[in-house]
Amino acid sequence: MDFITKHYFFFDPANPISFISSIFLYIFALFIIIYSLVYTKPELRKWSLILISLFFYYKLTGILFLVIIIPVFSDYFITRQMALTKSDSIRKLWMFIAVFISLELLVYFKYTNFFIQILNSTTHHSFSTLKILIPVGISYYIFRSISYVLDVYYEKYPPASNITDYLLYMTFFPLLISGPITRAELFLPQISTTAAITKFNINRGIYFILKGVIKKAIIADYLGMYVNIVFSVNGGFTGFENLMGILGFAMQIYFDFSGYTDIAIGISSILGFDIGINFNEPFKATSITDFWRRWHISLSEWLRDYIFTPLNFYMRSLKIHGSVIAIIITFLVCGIWHGASYTFLMWGLLYGIAMSWEIYSRPLISLSRKHIPSKIVSITGWVFTFAFVVSLLVLLRADSLTAACNVYFKMFTNMDLHYLPPFIRVRWLYMIIIIVAFLIVFISKNIKQKISASFIRSPLIIKIIIFLIVSQIFIRFQSQEIQSFLYTKF
């Protein structure tokens, strides 16, 4: 009994809860039974979701779950004051206070040691880094907090009518680990309405959950085993092996992150909520701008609305050069949001430079479309975009700039395709999975929609059979412990 109590009801730092853990499955199944009795009653529905969300976050990050309460209370009461104030200067002061409180939490937990390292390297001091545990998901809920405060300040959205609504918005458990960064204007109105829990929504939710589990636990985690080997031995592999590791990581991070999003969408759908989408076939993008309209859409839109647009407005007198400066600053923020490291800063800077080039070269691209068939322009754009995006992922995966440079050096100086036949013989399953991953990525959206519609319409027995097949495949491929979702560390 003690083991069960500790296992299910207390935080275990060695085994934090995950969407694809047995603990979550049992707890969620129990919650669904309770939820089915209260979902037609708005207040009971709201409180049941708040309690399960706080419990889930406690199981995920321990006592640090209390950190999320700070921006909840500060945002709610400050935005209420903001709405009651006529003076623009006082409203602006309240806004700055609310944003500062949220940013201060993010900076302390995520960037304190990075600043200490910078200070040590620039001043030749040797200050010790602090032992700071980072609350899981803090980057996501702090960005939700800031977007809410700014939307109220700019009068795009009224402040929440009561604190429990805002508490649910900030803690809704499908969004806690890795987003999406769902806006208040989409989520809050759904709280006070009767839940739209229909047979279609439940079947759609099951489809998204199964799809997410396949992406994460079968494809991403298996690819990740070889990727981990390549990046753990700095410079110890050939250029071809590094290339296979980079391509594997490209598929791993996409299937891991989009798999999480699919599970979050599926759970939310079953609970009667729409949290939006976060991916739209990003690897089909034909430009860097197009890629960021498709990849991590909620973050891209957040950066556009709250960083780029204000900066671009303030620097409008500089015309196109102002836009370029705003783009570079925005992507530096994007890089540092992903992590406190020089690799992330370089990743953001290179994206900023690439986006700036696209802005400056628009006249050239427009001219080329008049003389070159649009199909060739699109294919050329896709090749360069895919190569650029995949190559920059090295900076997200490598432990340091030196390690990243070693990977690039190996690829350009030690690329020998004679390694392909023995690689296939030794890692045939890896090659099959990576080919399947590419096929899934590039398959027509029409076909994906037909598969989704067919599953949703299928009889219960078919869904059970598919679930059992997925379970068996999962057991077959699970040669190690389930890995945490990659974007939780960002």
Protein backbone atom coordinates (compact mmCIF):
# COMPACT_ATOMS: atom_id res chain seq x y z
CA MET A 1 0.00 0.00 0.00
CA ASP A 2 2.87 2.39 0.86
CA PHE A 3 4.49 1.67 -2.51
CA ILE A 4 1.22 2.38 -4.38
CA THR A 5 0.67 5.59 -2.42
CA LYS A 6 4.20 6.87 -3.13
CA HIS A 7 4.16 5.65 -6.75
CA TYR A 8 0.86 7.25 -7.73
CA PHE A 9 0.41 10.20 -5.40
CA PHE A 10 3.89 11.58 -4.66
CA PHE A 11 6.55 13.12 -6.87
CA ASP A 12 9.36 10.77 -7.86
CA PRO A 13 12.31 12.76 -9.32
CA ALA A 14 13.68 9.59 -10.91
CA ASN A 15 10.38 8.87 -12.68
CA PRO A 16 8.44 12.06 -13.40
CA ILE A 17 5.03 11.56 -14.96
CA SER A 18 4.76 11.55 -18.76
CA PHE A 19 1.89 11.33 -21.24
CA ILE A 20 3.16 7.93 -22.34
CA SER A 21 3.74 6.44 -18.89
CA SER A 22 1.53 3.79 -17.30
CA ILE A 23 1.01 6.08 -14.28
CA PHE A 24 -0.51 8.77 -16.45
CA LEU A 25 -2.70 6.24 -18.25
CA TYR A 26 -4.18 4.96 -14.97
CA ILE A 27 -4.65 8.42 -13.44
CA PHE A 28 -6.18 9.82 -16.62
CA ALA A 29 -8.56 6.85 -16.95
CA LEU A 30 -9.73 7.44 -13.37
CA PHE A 31 -10.09 11.17 -14.02
CA ILE A 32 -12.17 10.57 -17.16
CA ILE A 33 -14.68 8.61 -15.08
CA ILE A 34 -15.00 11.55 -12.66
CA TYR A 35 -14.99 14.09 -15.50
CA SER A 36 -17.85 12.30 -17.28
CA LEU A 37 -20.02 12.99 -14.22
CA VAL A 38 -19.24 16.72 -13.92
CA TYR A 39 -18.41 18.06 -17.39
CA THR A 40 -21.91 19.47 -17.96
CA LYS A 41 -21.59 21.60 -14.80
CA PRO A 42 -19.15 24.47 -15.62
CA GLU A 43 -17.89 25.10 -12.07
CA LEU A 44 -17.35 21.44 -11.21
CA ARG A 45 -15.78 20.87 -14.61
CA LYS A 46 -13.43 23.80 -14.07
CA TRP A 47 -12.34 22.71 -10.60
CA SER A 48 -11.85 19.09 -11.62
CA LEU A 49 -9.52 20.28 -14.42
CA ILE A 50 -7.65 22.64 -12.10
CA LEU A 51 -7.07 19.93 -9.50
CA ILE A 52 -5.91 17.29 -12.01
CA SER A 53 -3.67 19.90 -13.69
CA LEU A 54 -2.01 20.94 -10.41
CA PHE A 55 -1.63 17.28 -9.43
CA PHE A 56 -0.14 16.45 -12.84
CA TYR A 57 2.31 19.36 -12.57
CA TYR A 58 3.28 18.27 -9.04
CA LYS A 59 3.94 14.74 -10.33
CA LEU A 60 5.99 16.28 -13.12
CA THR A 61 8.18 18.76 -11.24
CA GLY A 62 7.63 18.30 -7.49
CA ILE A 63 7.37 21.26 -5.12
CA LEU A 64 8.40 23.55 -7.98
CA PHE A 65 4.79 23.30 -9.20
CA LEU A 66 4.12 26.20 -6.80
CA VAL A 67 6.19 28.52 -9.03
CA ILE A 68 3.34 28.69 -11.55
CA ILE A 69 1.08 30.19 -8.87
CA ILE A 70 3.19 33.39 -8.77
CA PRO A 71 2.38 34.65 -12.30
CA VAL A 72 -1.21 33.43 -11.93
CA PHE A 73 -1.89 35.77 -9.01
CA SER A 74 0.26 38.66 -10.22
CA ASP A 75 -1.21 38.58 -13.75
CA TYR A 76 -4.79 38.32 -12.55
CA PHE A 77 -4.74 41.13 -10.00
CA ILE A 78 -2.48 43.44 -12.03
CA THR A 79 -4.56 43.12 -15.20
CA ARG A 80 -7.70 43.85 -13.14
CA GLN A 81 -6.05 47.03 -11.91
CA MET A 82 -4.95 47.81 -15.44
CA ALA A 83 -8.52 47.56 -16.68
CA LEU A 84 -9.79 49.89 -13.92
CA THR A 85 -7.16 52.56 -14.59
CA LYS A 86 -7.81 55.42 -17.00
CA SER A 87 -4.28 56.83 -16.97
CA ASP A 88 -2.08 55.46 -19.80
CA SER A 89 1.10 55.91 -17.78
CA ILE A 90 -0.31 53.99 -14.80
CA ARG A 91 -1.59 51.22 -17.10
CA LYS A 92 1.86 50.99 -18.67
CA LEU A 93 3.46 50.80 -15.22
CA TRP A 94 1.15 47.94 -14.20
CA MET A 95 1.96 46.17 -17.47
CA PHE A 96 5.72 46.48 -16.90
CA ILE A 97 5.36 45.17 -13.34
CA ALA A 98 3.40 42.09 -14.47
CA VAL A 99 5.80 41.32 -17.33
CA PHE A 100 8.81 41.89 -15.06
CA ILE A 101 7.52 39.41 -12.46
CA SER A 102 7.09 36.70 -15.11
CA LEU A 103 10.40 37.42 -16.83
CA GLU A 104 12.24 37.54 -13.52
CA LEU A 105 11.07 33.99 -12.76
CA LEU A 106 12.15 32.78 -16.20
CA VAL A 107 15.53 34.52 -16.00
CA TYR A 108 16.28 33.28 -12.49
CA PHE A 109 15.47 29.63 -13.09
CA LYS A 110 16.71 29.29 -16.65
CA TYR A 111 19.48 31.85 -17.20
CA THR A 112 21.20 32.62 -13.87
CA ASN A 113 24.00 30.10 -14.40
CA PHE A 114 24.44 31.17 -18.02
CA PHE A 115 24.98 34.76 -16.89
CA ILE A 116 27.47 33.55 -14.27
CA GLN A 117 29.38 31.67 -16.99
CA ILE A 118 29.43 34.78 -19.20
CA LEU A 119 30.62 36.88 -16.26
CA ASN A 120 33.39 34.38 -15.50
CA SER A 121 34.57 34.25 -19.11
CA THR A 122 34.55 38.03 -19.60
CA THR A 123 36.02 39.11 -16.25
CA HIS A 124 38.31 36.12 -15.50
CA HIS A 125 36.49 35.50 -12.21
CA SER A 126 35.47 32.04 -11.05
CA PHE A 127 32.06 32.47 -9.48
CA SER A 128 30.42 29.14 -8.70
CA THR A 129 27.25 28.26 -10.54
CA LEU A 130 24.13 27.71 -8.48
CA LYS A 131 22.24 24.44 -8.03
CA ILE A 132 18.96 25.58 -9.57
CA LEU A 133 16.28 23.10 -10.55
CA ILE A 134 14.30 24.41 -13.53
CA PRO A 135 10.52 23.92 -13.32
CA VAL A 136 9.42 21.85 -16.31
CA GLY A 137 7.54 23.89 -18.91
CA ILE A 138 8.41 27.29 -17.42
CA SER A 139 9.27 28.74 -20.85
CA TYR A 140 5.79 27.89 -22.11
CA TYR A 141 3.64 29.13 -19.25
CA ILE A 142 5.69 32.30 -18.82
CA PHE A 143 5.13 33.13 -22.50
CA ARG A 144 1.40 32.45 -22.04
CA SER A 145 1.48 34.78 -19.04
CA ILE A 146 3.20 37.59 -20.97
CA SER A 147 0.89 37.26 -23.98
CA TYR A 148 -2.15 37.54 -21.71
CA VAL A 149 -0.83 40.65 -19.93
CA LEU A 150 0.07 42.37 -23.22
CA ASP A 151 -3.25 41.46 -24.83
CA VAL A 152 -5.11 43.02 -21.89
CA TYR A 153 -2.84 46.07 -21.96
CA TYR A 154 -3.42 46.63 -25.68
CA GLU A 155 -7.14 45.96 -25.11
CA LYS A 156 -7.16 43.04 -27.51
CA TYR A 157 -8.78 40.91 -24.82
CA PRO A 158 -10.57 41.75 -21.53
CA PRO A 159 -9.11 40.50 -18.24
CA ALA A 160 -10.33 37.12 -16.96
CA SER A 161 -13.65 37.41 -15.11
CA ASN A 162 -12.38 35.36 -12.15
CA ILE A 163 -9.09 33.96 -10.95
CA THR A 164 -10.10 30.32 -11.31
CA ASP A 165 -10.55 30.79 -15.08
CA TYR A 166 -7.06 32.20 -15.34
CA LEU A 167 -5.65 29.50 -13.06
CA LEU A 168 -7.07 26.84 -15.38
CA TYR A 169 -5.70 28.64 -18.46
CA MET A 170 -2.21 28.73 -16.98
CA THR A 171 -2.19 25.19 -15.55
CA PHE A 172 -4.21 23.19 -18.13
CA PHE A 173 -2.13 20.02 -18.04
CA PRO A 174 -1.98 19.11 -21.77
CA LEU A 175 -0.16 22.43 -22.35
CA LEU A 176 2.26 22.27 -19.42
CA ILE A 177 5.16 20.22 -20.77
CA SER A 178 5.81 21.65 -24.23
CA GLY A 179 2.93 23.93 -25.17
CA PRO A 180 1.47 24.89 -27.58
CA ILE A 181 1.59 28.49 -26.33
CA THR A 182 -2.19 28.77 -26.62
CA ARG A 183 -3.52 32.32 -26.34
CA ALA A 184 -6.07 33.38 -23.73
CA GLU A 185 -8.47 34.56 -26.44
CA LEU A 186 -8.73 30.99 -27.74
CA PHE A 187 -8.79 29.15 -24.40
CA LEU A 188 -10.64 31.30 -21.86
CA PRO A 189 -14.01 31.46 -23.70
CA GLN A 190 -14.08 27.64 -23.77
CA ILE A 191 -14.01 27.44 -19.96
CA SER A 192 -17.41 28.99 -19.33
CA THR A 193 -19.19 27.13 -22.14
CA THR A 194 -20.59 23.63 -21.85
CA ALA A 195 -17.95 21.14 -22.95
CA ALA A 196 -18.35 20.00 -26.54
CA ILE A 197 -17.68 16.36 -25.73
CA THR A 198 -19.11 14.48 -28.68
CA LYS A 199 -18.43 11.06 -30.16
CA PHE A 200 -16.52 12.79 -32.95
CA ASN A 201 -14.31 14.70 -30.48
CA ILE A 202 -13.55 11.53 -28.51
CA ASN A 203 -12.69 9.54 -31.64
CA ARG A 204 -10.62 12.45 -32.96
CA GLY A 205 -8.84 12.63 -29.61
CA ILE A 206 -8.05 8.91 -29.63
CA TYR A 207 -6.69 9.22 -33.18
CA PHE A 208 -4.37 12.08 -32.24
CA ILE A 209 -3.17 10.29 -29.09
CA LEU A 210 -2.35 7.09 -31.00
CA LYS A 211 -0.63 9.10 -33.73
CA GLY A 212 1.39 10.97 -31.12
CA VAL A 213 2.44 7.78 -29.33
CA ILE A 214 3.59 6.23 -32.63
CA LYS A 215 5.57 9.35 -33.48
CA LYS A 216 7.20 9.68 -30.06
CA ALA A 217 7.60 6.23 -28.54
CA ILE A 218 8.20 4.22 -31.71
CA ILE A 219 9.87 6.50 -34.26
CA ALA A 220 11.52 9.34 -32.31
CA ASP A 221 12.86 7.30 -29.40
CA TYR A 222 14.32 4.59 -31.65
CA LEU A 223 16.05 7.13 -33.90
CA GLY A 224 17.28 8.88 -30.77
CA MET A 225 19.35 5.86 -29.69
CA TYR A 226 21.71 6.19 -32.67
CA VAL A 227 21.62 10.01 -32.53
CA ASN A 228 22.74 9.86 -28.88
CA ILE A 229 25.68 7.63 -29.82
CA VAL A 230 26.85 9.96 -32.61
CA PHE A 231 26.67 13.13 -30.51
CA SER A 232 28.13 11.54 -27.38
CA VAL A 233 31.44 10.76 -29.14
CA ASN A 234 32.77 14.15 -30.20
CA GLY A 235 34.40 13.74 -33.62
CA GLY A 236 34.59 9.96 -33.30
CA PHE A 237 32.53 9.09 -36.36
CA THR A 238 32.94 9.51 -40.10
CA GLY A 239 31.27 12.29 -42.07
CA PHE A 240 28.69 9.83 -43.44
CA GLU A 241 27.83 8.56 -39.95
CA ASN A 242 27.47 12.15 -38.74
CA LEU A 243 25.20 12.91 -41.69
CA MET A 244 22.99 9.94 -40.81
CA GLY A 245 22.94 11.15 -37.21
CA ILE A 246 21.90 14.67 -38.26
CA LEU A 247 19.14 13.36 -40.55
CA GLY A 248 18.03 11.06 -37.74
CA PHE A 249 17.92 13.96 -35.30
CA ALA A 250 15.88 16.04 -37.76
CA MET A 251 13.27 13.28 -37.84
CA GLN A 252 13.62 12.60 -34.10
CA ILE A 253 12.99 16.19 -32.99
CA TYR A 254 10.07 16.61 -35.39
CA PHE A 255 8.36 13.35 -34.47
CA ASP A 256 9.08 13.87 -30.77
CA PHE A 257 7.73 17.42 -30.62
CA SER A 258 4.83 17.00 -33.05
CA GLY A 259 4.06 13.70 -31.30
CA TYR A 260 3.74 15.53 -27.99
CA THR A 261 1.53 18.15 -29.66
CA ASP A 262 -0.68 15.43 -31.13
CA ILE A 263 -1.13 13.82 -27.71
CA ALA A 264 -1.92 17.22 -26.15
CA ILE A 265 -4.46 17.95 -28.92
CA GLY A 266 -6.00 14.50 -28.45
CA ILE A 267 -6.34 14.78 -24.67
CA SER A 268 -7.78 18.30 -25.01
CA SER A 269 -10.26 17.11 -27.64
CA ILE A 270 -11.51 14.34 -25.34
CA LEU A 271 -11.92 16.94 -22.57
CA GLY A 272 -13.83 19.26 -24.93
CA PHE A 273 -11.12 21.86 -25.61
CA ASP A 274 -9.51 23.17 -28.78
CA ILE A 275 -5.88 24.24 -28.22
CA GLY A 276 -5.02 25.00 -31.85
CA ILE A 277 -2.29 23.45 -33.99
CA ASN A 278 1.49 23.73 -33.73
CA PHE A 279 2.80 22.13 -36.94
CA ASN A 280 1.83 22.29 -40.59
CA GLU A 281 4.19 20.03 -42.55
CA PRO A 282 7.29 22.17 -41.83
CA PHE A 283 9.75 20.10 -43.86
CA LYS A 284 7.80 20.93 -47.02
CA ALA A 285 8.68 24.62 -46.60
CA THR A 286 10.24 26.34 -49.64
CA SER A 287 11.83 29.20 -47.69
CA ILE A 288 12.98 29.96 -44.15
CA THR A 289 10.03 32.34 -43.72
CA ASP A 290 7.70 29.56 -44.87
CA PHE A 291 9.36 27.12 -42.47
CA TRP A 292 8.64 29.35 -39.47
CA ARG A 293 5.01 29.64 -40.54
CA ARG A 294 4.82 25.84 -40.27
CA TRP A 295 7.16 24.89 -37.38
CA HIS A 296 6.19 25.51 -33.72
CA ILE A 297 3.45 27.82 -34.98
CA SER A 298 2.40 29.06 -31.55
CA LEU A 299 5.96 30.20 -30.74
CA SER A 300 6.43 31.74 -34.20
CA GLU A 301 3.21 33.73 -33.84
CA TRP A 302 4.13 34.76 -30.30
CA LEU A 303 7.53 36.08 -31.44
CA ARG A 304 5.93 37.84 -34.40
CA ASP A 305 3.21 39.56 -32.35
CA TYR A 306 5.15 40.48 -29.19
CA ILE A 307 8.75 40.93 -30.38
CA PHE A 308 9.02 41.51 -34.13
CA THR A 309 5.91 43.64 -34.76
CA PRO A 310 6.59 46.19 -31.96
CA LEU A 311 10.29 46.42 -32.90
CA ASN A 312 9.45 46.76 -36.58
CA PHE A 313 6.98 49.55 -35.74
CA TYR A 314 9.47 51.48 -33.60
CA MET A 315 12.14 51.20 -36.32
CA ARG A 316 9.83 51.93 -39.24
CA SER A 317 11.85 55.03 -40.12
CA LEU A 318 14.72 52.72 -41.10
CA LYS A 319 12.40 51.00 -43.61
CA ILE A 320 13.70 47.60 -44.76
CA HIS A 321 16.81 47.88 -42.54
CA GLY A 322 14.56 48.32 -39.50
CA SER A 323 12.75 45.10 -40.41
CA VAL A 324 16.06 43.28 -40.69
CA ILE A 325 17.23 44.52 -37.28
CA ALA A 326 13.88 43.49 -35.78
CA ILE A 327 14.19 40.04 -37.38
CA ILE A 328 17.69 39.45 -36.00
CA ILE A 329 16.70 40.56 -32.48
CA THR A 330 13.57 38.36 -32.66
CA PHE A 331 15.57 35.28 -33.57
CA LEU A 332 18.19 35.97 -30.93
CA VAL A 333 15.28 35.94 -28.44
CA CYS A 334 14.06 32.72 -30.08
CA GLY A 335 17.50 31.17 -29.68
CA ILE A 336 17.93 32.14 -26.03
CA TRP A 337 14.33 31.01 -25.33
CA HIS A 338 15.36 27.53 -26.48
CA GLY A 339 18.26 27.39 -24.06
CA ALA A 340 20.94 29.20 -22.08
CA SER A 341 23.90 28.36 -24.30
CA TYR A 342 26.10 29.87 -27.00
CA THR A 343 24.91 27.14 -29.38
CA PHE A 344 21.32 28.37 -29.08
CA LEU A 345 22.39 31.99 -29.54
CA MET A 346 24.31 31.04 -32.70
CA TRP A 347 21.32 29.01 -33.92
CA GLY A 348 19.05 32.03 -33.47
CA LEU A 349 21.57 34.43 -35.04
CA LEU A 350 21.96 32.26 -38.16
CA TYR A 351 18.19 32.05 -38.57
CA GLY A 352 18.00 35.83 -38.20
CA ILE A 353 20.65 36.27 -40.91
CA ALA A 354 18.86 33.81 -43.21
CA MET A 355 15.52 35.58 -42.74
CA SER A 356 17.23 38.94 -43.34
CA TRP A 357 18.69 37.65 -46.60
CA GLU A 358 15.21 36.61 -47.70
CA ILE A 359 13.94 40.13 -46.99
CA TYR A 360 16.76 41.78 -48.96
CA SER A 361 16.50 39.29 -51.85
CA ARG A 362 12.75 39.58 -52.43
CA PRO A 363 13.19 41.69 -55.60
CA LEU A 364 15.66 39.11 -56.97
CA ILE A 365 13.29 36.23 -56.19
CA SER A 366 10.37 38.07 -57.81
CA LEU A 367 12.48 38.70 -60.91
CA SER A 368 13.58 35.07 -61.09
CA ARG A 369 9.96 33.89 -61.00
CA LYS A 370 9.33 35.86 -64.20
CA HIS A 371 12.10 34.03 -66.09
CA ILE A 372 12.31 30.65 -64.37
CA PRO A 373 9.41 28.16 -64.09
CA SER A 374 7.82 28.45 -60.65
CA LYS A 375 8.21 24.69 -60.11
CA ILE A 376 12.00 24.95 -60.43
CA VAL A 377 12.08 27.99 -58.10
CA SER A 378 10.00 26.09 -55.51
CA ILE A 379 12.12 22.92 -55.72
CA THR A 380 15.35 24.95 -55.44
CA GLY A 381 13.90 26.85 -52.49
CA TRP A 382 12.89 23.60 -50.81
CA VAL A 383 16.35 22.03 -51.25
CA PHE A 384 18.15 25.03 -49.73
CA THR A 385 15.57 25.40 -46.94
CA PHE A 386 15.67 21.72 -45.96
CA ALA A 387 19.48 21.63 -46.03
CA PHE A 388 19.73 24.82 -43.97
CA VAL A 389 17.14 23.75 -41.36
CA VAL A 390 18.65 20.29 -40.91
CA SER A 391 22.24 21.55 -40.73
CA LEU A 392 21.32 24.10 -38.04
CA LEU A 393 19.78 21.36 -35.92
CA VAL A 394 23.36 20.34 -35.08
CA LEU A 395 23.51 23.47 -32.91
CA LEU A 396 20.38 22.39 -31.02
CA ARG A 397 21.80 18.92 -30.37
CA ALA A 398 25.53 19.51 -29.80
CA ASP A 399 26.79 20.18 -26.29
CA SER A 400 28.97 23.10 -27.37
CA LEU A 401 30.03 25.18 -30.35
CA THR A 402 33.24 23.14 -30.51
CA ALA A 403 31.29 19.87 -30.70
CA ALA A 404 29.02 21.33 -33.40
CA CYS A 405 32.04 22.49 -35.42
CA ASN A 406 33.55 18.99 -35.18
CA VAL A 407 30.38 17.51 -36.68
CA TYR A 408 30.41 20.03 -39.54
CA PHE A 409 34.15 19.47 -40.10
CA LYS A 410 33.71 15.69 -40.31
CA MET A 411 30.89 16.03 -42.83
CA PHE A 412 32.89 18.27 -45.14
CA THR A 413 36.25 16.48 -44.86
CA ASN A 414 35.43 12.83 -44.25
CA MET A 415 32.37 12.05 -46.38
CA ASP A 416 32.73 8.66 -48.00
CA LEU A 417 29.64 6.93 -49.43
CA HIS A 418 31.47 3.59 -49.32
CA TYR A 419 30.27 3.48 -45.72
CA LEU A 420 26.67 3.17 -46.93
CA PRO A 421 26.52 -0.64 -47.59
CA PRO A 422 28.07 -1.67 -44.23
CA PHE A 423 25.98 0.96 -42.44
CA ILE A 424 22.80 -0.54 -43.93
CA ARG A 425 23.90 -4.06 -42.97
CA VAL A 426 24.61 -3.09 -39.36
CA ARG A 427 21.80 -0.54 -38.86
CA TRP A 428 19.14 -1.84 -41.21
CA LEU A 429 16.29 -1.18 -38.79
CA TYR A 430 17.46 2.41 -38.26
CA MET A 431 17.47 2.91 -42.04
CA ILE A 432 13.96 1.44 -42.37
CA ILE A 433 12.60 3.71 -39.63
CA ILE A 434 14.25 6.82 -41.02
CA ILE A 435 12.86 6.04 -44.49
CA VAL A 436 9.39 5.51 -42.97
CA ALA A 437 9.79 8.81 -41.12
CA PHE A 438 10.63 10.64 -44.34
CA LEU A 439 7.67 9.02 -46.11
CA ILE A 440 5.31 10.15 -43.34
CA VAL A 441 6.77 13.68 -43.45
CA PHE A 442 6.41 14.06 -47.21
CA ILE A 443 3.19 12.14 -47.81
CA SER A 444 0.33 14.20 -49.22
CA LYS A 445 -1.82 16.07 -46.68
CA ASN A 446 -4.85 14.70 -48.54
CA ILE A 447 -3.83 11.14 -47.71
CA LYS A 448 -3.25 12.04 -44.03
CA GLN A 449 -6.71 13.62 -43.82
CA LYS A 450 -8.29 10.52 -45.39
CA ILE A 451 -6.52 8.25 -42.87
CA SER A 452 -7.73 10.47 -40.02
CA ALA A 453 -11.32 10.50 -41.30
CA SER A 454 -11.31 6.73 -41.83
CA PHE A 455 -10.10 6.08 -38.27
CA ILE A 456 -12.66 8.46 -36.75
CA ARG A 457 -15.50 6.75 -38.68
CA SER A 458 -14.27 3.21 -38.04
CA PRO A 459 -16.15 0.82 -35.69
CA LEU A 460 -14.94 0.37 -32.11
CA ILE A 461 -13.52 -3.09 -32.84
CA ILE A 462 -11.22 -1.62 -35.51
CA LYS A 463 -9.98 1.01 -33.07
CA ILE A 464 -9.25 -1.71 -30.48
CA ILE A 465 -7.33 -3.78 -33.05
CA ILE A 466 -5.28 -0.73 -34.10
CA PHE A 467 -4.58 0.04 -30.42
CA LEU A 468 -3.36 -3.53 -29.82
CA ILE A 469 -1.15 -3.42 -32.92
CA VAL A 470 0.38 -0.11 -31.82
CA SER A 471 0.95 -1.56 -28.33
CA GLN A 472 2.78 -4.58 -29.75
CA ILE A 473 4.95 -2.42 -32.02
CA PHE A 474 5.69 -0.20 -29.05
CA ILE A 475 6.78 -3.19 -26.94
CA ARG A 476 8.93 -4.47 -29.84
CA PHE A 477 10.79 -1.18 -30.23
CA GLN A 478 11.09 -0.28 -26.55
CA SER A 479 14.67 -1.40 -26.00
CA GLN A 480 15.27 1.28 -23.39
CA GLU A 481 13.35 3.51 -20.99
CA ILE A 482 10.94 5.98 -22.56
CA GLN A 483 12.81 9.24 -23.05
CA SER A 484 11.42 12.57 -21.90
CA PHE A 485 10.05 14.83 -24.62
CA LEU A 486 12.94 16.78 -26.20
CA TYR A 487 11.25 20.18 -26.02
CA THR A 488 10.75 19.97 -22.25
CA LYS A 489 14.36 21.12 -21.84
CA PHE A 490 13.67 24.16 -24.04
